[in-house]
Amino acid sequence: MHEKGIRYSLNTDDPPFFNDATLLTEYAYAAKLLGLNQEDLLRITLTAIEDSFADADLKVELRKKVMDFSRKNVMSDYVMSSIRCIKHIY
């Protein structure tokens, strides 16, 4: 699916019913299962924004926030280190 360029996003649904799943743990699980890297996770996030039901102005704002966050390398340091820790759980 990922290698074929199929559009998808990662989501959570009813965390109390699914072992306290968070978006971070879903990203970690997908990264481990699919062998995703930082760029893949960023692409998935941007796809989620683009394919959402948000209006165009909100999509622009969200894309800017995600890209600013990514450019500052905070995502790489924080999220990727968390993903490395969470990978050991799954």
C-alpha atoms as a PDB file:
ATOM      1  CA  MET A   1       0.000   0.000   0.000  1.00  0.00           C
ATOM      2  CA  HIS A   2       2.638   2.525   1.055  1.00  0.00           C
ATOM      3  CA  GLU A   3       5.033   1.618  -1.753  1.00  0.00           C
ATOM      4  CA  LYS A   4       2.237   1.953  -4.337  1.00  0.00           C
ATOM      5  CA  GLY A   5       1.488   5.542  -3.362  1.00  0.00           C
ATOM      6  CA  ILE A   6      -1.985   4.847  -1.976  1.00  0.00           C
ATOM      7  CA  ARG A   7      -3.213   7.791   0.099  1.00  0.00           C
ATOM      8  CA  TYR A   8      -3.957   7.033   3.745  1.00  0.00           C
ATOM      9  CA  SER A   9      -3.824   8.652   7.145  1.00  0.00           C
ATOM     10  CA  LEU A  10      -3.305   7.438  10.696  1.00  0.00           C
ATOM     11  CA  ASN A  11      -6.012   8.019  13.262  1.00  0.00           C
ATOM     12  CA  THR A  12      -7.196   7.034  16.709  1.00  0.00           C
ATOM     13  CA  ASP A  13     -10.669   5.958  17.682  1.00  0.00           C
ATOM     14  CA  ASP A  14     -12.013   5.480  21.190  1.00  0.00           C
ATOM     15  CA  PRO A  15      -8.631   5.213  22.985  1.00  0.00           C
ATOM     16  CA  PRO A  16     -10.137   3.827  26.220  1.00  0.00           C
ATOM     17  CA  PHE A  17     -11.485   0.849  24.290  1.00  0.00           C
ATOM     18  CA  PHE A  18      -8.281   0.212  22.362  1.00  0.00           C
ATOM     19  CA  ASN A  19      -5.562   0.032  25.027  1.00  0.00           C
ATOM     20  CA  ASP A  20      -5.228   3.798  25.409  1.00  0.00           C
ATOM     21  CA  ALA A  21      -4.134   4.236  21.803  1.00  0.00           C
ATOM     22  CA  THR A  22      -2.789   7.679  21.045  1.00  0.00           C
ATOM     23  CA  LEU A  23      -1.854   9.199  17.738  1.00  0.00           C
ATOM     24  CA  LEU A  24       1.787   8.895  18.729  1.00  0.00           C
ATOM     25  CA  THR A  25       1.455   5.167  19.398  1.00  0.00           C
ATOM     26  CA  GLU A  26      -0.371   4.720  16.086  1.00  0.00           C
ATOM     27  CA  TYR A  27       2.469   6.498  14.257  1.00  0.00           C
ATOM     28  CA  ALA A  28       5.009   4.348  16.107  1.00  0.00           C
ATOM     29  CA  TYR A  29       3.179   1.153  15.262  1.00  0.00           C
ATOM     30  CA  ALA A  30       2.854   2.133  11.592  1.00  0.00           C
ATOM     31  CA  ALA A  31       6.525   3.164  11.444  1.00  0.00           C
ATOM     32  CA  LYS A  32       7.573  -0.202  12.798  1.00  0.00           C
ATOM     33  CA  LEU A  33       5.115  -2.288  10.803  1.00  0.00           C
ATOM     34  CA  LEU A  34       5.673  -0.494   7.485  1.00  0.00           C
ATOM     35  CA  GLY A  35       9.289   0.599   7.974  1.00  0.00           C
ATOM     36  CA  LEU A  36       8.386   4.286   7.685  1.00  0.00           C
ATOM     37  CA  ASN A  37      10.890   7.085   8.123  1.00  0.00           C
ATOM     38  CA  GLN A  38      10.453  10.716   9.169  1.00  0.00           C
ATOM     39  CA  GLU A  39       9.610  11.889   5.648  1.00  0.00           C
ATOM     40  CA  ASP A  40       6.975   9.165   5.306  1.00  0.00           C
ATOM     41  CA  LEU A  41       5.352  10.205   8.581  1.00  0.00           C
ATOM     42  CA  LEU A  42       5.350  13.842   7.485  1.00  0.00           C
ATOM     43  CA  ARG A  43       3.746  12.864   4.161  1.00  0.00           C
ATOM     44  CA  ILE A  44       1.053  10.882   6.005  1.00  0.00           C
ATOM     45  CA  THR A  45       0.324  13.885   8.226  1.00  0.00           C
ATOM     46  CA  LEU A  46       0.042  16.235   5.255  1.00  0.00           C
ATOM     47  CA  THR A  47      -2.208  13.753   3.454  1.00  0.00           C
ATOM     48  CA  ALA A  48      -4.497  13.630   6.495  1.00  0.00           C
ATOM     49  CA  ILE A  49      -4.808  17.403   6.416  1.00  0.00           C
ATOM     50  CA  GLU A  50      -5.409  17.508   2.667  1.00  0.00           C
ATOM     51  CA  ASP A  51      -8.035  14.748   2.725  1.00  0.00           C
ATOM     52  CA  SER A  52      -9.867  16.107   5.760  1.00  0.00           C
ATOM     53  CA  PHE A  53     -13.216  17.888   5.695  1.00  0.00           C
ATOM     54  CA  ALA A  54     -11.586  21.103   6.944  1.00  0.00           C
ATOM     55  CA  ASP A  55     -12.156  24.236   4.897  1.00  0.00           C
ATOM     56  CA  ALA A  56      -9.395  25.497   2.620  1.00  0.00           C
ATOM     57  CA  ASP A  57      -8.204  28.240   4.998  1.00  0.00           C
ATOM     58  CA  LEU A  58      -7.842  25.822   7.898  1.00  0.00           C
ATOM     59  CA  LYS A  59      -5.946  23.361   5.684  1.00  0.00           C
ATOM     60  CA  VAL A  60      -3.478  26.105   4.745  1.00  0.00           C
ATOM     61  CA  GLU A  61      -3.017  26.999   8.413  1.00  0.00           C
ATOM     62  CA  LEU A  62      -2.530  23.370   9.473  1.00  0.00           C
ATOM     63  CA  ARG A  63      -0.055  22.634   6.656  1.00  0.00           C
ATOM     64  CA  LYS A  64       1.962  25.701   7.653  1.00  0.00           C
ATOM     65  CA  LYS A  65       2.028  24.632  11.309  1.00  0.00           C
ATOM     66  CA  VAL A  66       3.096  21.079  10.438  1.00  0.00           C
ATOM     67  CA  MET A  67       5.805  22.263   8.050  1.00  0.00           C
ATOM     68  CA  ASP A  68       7.106  24.851  10.539  1.00  0.00           C
ATOM     69  CA  PHE A  69       7.184  22.171  13.223  1.00  0.00           C
ATOM     70  CA  SER A  70       8.994  19.781  10.903  1.00  0.00           C
ATOM     71  CA  ARG A  71      11.525  22.378   9.699  1.00  0.00           C
ATOM     72  CA  LYS A  72      12.527  23.118  13.271  1.00  0.00           C
ATOM     73  CA  ASN A  73      13.375  19.411  13.536  1.00  0.00           C
ATOM     74  CA  VAL A  74      11.305  19.125  16.692  1.00  0.00           C
ATOM     75  CA  MET A  75       9.273  16.359  15.105  1.00  0.00           C
ATOM     76  CA  SER A  76      12.382  14.418  14.297  1.00  0.00           C
ATOM     77  CA  ASP A  77      13.833  14.675  17.779  1.00  0.00           C
ATOM     78  CA  TYR A  78      10.734  14.266  19.907  1.00  0.00           C
ATOM     79  CA  VAL A  79       8.462  12.081  17.809  1.00  0.00           C
ATOM     80  CA  MET A  80      11.163   9.823  16.425  1.00  0.00           C
ATOM     81  CA  SER A  81      12.723   9.251  19.860  1.00  0.00           C
ATOM     82  CA  SER A  82       9.262   8.454  21.224  1.00  0.00           C
ATOM     83  CA  ILE A  83       8.662   6.106  18.324  1.00  0.00           C
ATOM     84  CA  ARG A  84      11.927   4.287  19.049  1.00  0.00           C
ATOM     85  CA  CYS A  85      10.802   3.791  22.651  1.00  0.00           C
ATOM     86  CA  ILE A  86       7.275   2.717  21.729  1.00  0.00           C
ATOM     87  CA  LYS A  87       8.535   0.249  19.091  1.00  0.00           C
ATOM     88  CA  HIS A  88       9.770  -1.936  21.917  1.00  0.00           C
ATOM     89  CA  ILE A  89       6.220  -2.205  23.281  1.00  0.00           C
ATOM     90  CA  TYR A  90       4.722  -3.622  20.063  1.00  0.00           C
END
